[in-house]
Amino acid sequence: MIEVAVRHTRGAFSLDAAFAAEGRVTALFGRSGSGKSTLVDVIAGLVRPDHGRIVVDGVTLLDTEARLRVPVHRRRIGYVFQEARLMPHLTVRQNLLFGRWFSRDRDGGPGLAAVADLLGLAALLERRPAGLSGGERQRVAIGRALLARPRLLLMDEPLSALDEARKAEILPYVARLRDEARVPIVYVSHAVAEVARLADTVVVLDQGRVAACGPAAEVLRRGALFPGRDTAETGALLQMRVAAHDDAFGLTHLDGAPGRLTVPSLPLPAGASVRIRVRARDVLVAREAPRALSARNVLSGTVTAVTPGAGAHARVEIACGEASLVAEVTRLAVHDLALAPGLSVLAIVKSVAFDEETIGVVEI
């Protein structure tokens, strides 16, 4: 459990943010300048706020009213920055063990071998940072922070300095860290895809204020919270399980709250749990069952809300079983189909709409 309530003014910028979150990953989301990094620095103890209270796992790290401020080196917080900040003259092994040096008086936590295995670093231990890719360097930085045996791990846009290929390389390791390391994470990002893949709770910041806070599946449906092109990336977040594979056609069938979904083949055994993001822009809405259609996913549902958006767009929320999908359509489509709450419709999603950005493994 993380509880944060902070007020701080720095020049013309004012931060007044409060939230409580319980889960493995809490994502701080917002455009540049919204206060994400400042808030993380306050949690870490790198910035002294004018007023504030921070509690992590029942331990109070800051309470300005009570004149309590735990020093940075006693907070037991690991920090992963945008840049890896490795020591170039040390090997990967030595960089990792530098984190362990800070935790000599702490019991428990994973050892070097366990962290190297978790982050795929075993084959890199004798190399130096200059011989590593950007994604490898960032994995070493995560391992170093983890070996400090933190009670909380802060990750400030750790993928922002990487290209798309390196981001795709490192995301599965961050997901594995979430599932296996047993250390709560506050993850800063301005990328919806990262937040949807990793977060249990999402805190949206806007101009230093909390615009929304709640379960990721709930917050990511609310397109109005996300600026510009990010709106098209929002939608439904679903927990599904692998039901079967169709090897002849390279497909995998998933079962979950909305029914059955068919996606490109996943290298996972039956029963594996996955998190699926169904982007609003990938959902079509029909009043009648389509004929001779290439899309494999046709789900029965009921319209629960229609919200006009900017310009020609509108968002339609559809209850499919116990799940809720979101479709981004034109306002003309809303008019022509007479879409309104209570109307029975079909939500249609192409199988090829799902890719490595929208499917993440939760557990096997």
Foldseek 3Di string as FASTA:
>chain_A
DKWKFAWADDVPATAGETDDDDAQEEEEAEDPQLCPVVRVCVLLVVDPGPAMWIAFPNRTQDHVVVPHHHHNLPQQEFEQEQALPFDQVDFLQVSQCVLLVSQVPPDDFDDPVVLCVLLVNPVRRGHGPVPDDRLNSSSSSVSSSRSNVGLEYEYANNCPVDDPVSCLVNLQSVLSCSQPRPHHYYYYDHALLSCLQHHQKYFYGGSNYTPDIDGNQVVLCPLVSHDDPVSQQGKGKFKWWFADADVVVQWTWIQGQLGIDIAGHDPDDGGFIKIFGDGQAQKDKFQDDDPPDQADDKFKWFWADWADDPDQWIKTWTDRGPTITIHIDGVVCCVVVVHDGGRIIIITGHNHVDDSSGMYTNGD
